[in-house]
Amino acid sequence: MEDVLDQAAGRDLFYEVTIPLTGSTKKVYRVMSRVTGESVVDFMTLPTKKKKFYKLVSGIRWETLEHAKGVYKKILKDPKFNFRWNKAREDLRRIEAFQRSLERTNQQPNRTSPYLMRFPRRS
């Protein structure tokens, strides 16, 4: 924003100050005037969009197979979760077998698939 204002004015009349918000990771960016010292523009950047790890079907959130695979792979890497390794291995094999069967038939998983996990609703 500072560069746009400087370019419009034709000289270096503005500078930018970053102000962190307390209790948050967000920051306020304030463009100040070099002449008067007053704030000209205040703005915050928009949060980046995170990749959705679920599909919404009829108001129900279903976990995607790719996300479930990633979760199980993390469990298998972490020695803290060795008590879940057998179950994670079994679930990972089931997901991979299901994906192989989909590739053979060129289909997409639907909402009745037993390998999509349902999330509880939050109220």
Foldseek 3Di string as FASTA:
>chain_A
DQVVVCVVVVHNFKDWDWAADPPDRWIKIFIAGNVPRDTDDIDTDDDDDDDDQFDADPNWTWGDLVVLLVVLVVLCVDPVNPVCVVVSVVLNVVSVVVVVVCVVVVDDDDPVDPNIDTDDDDD
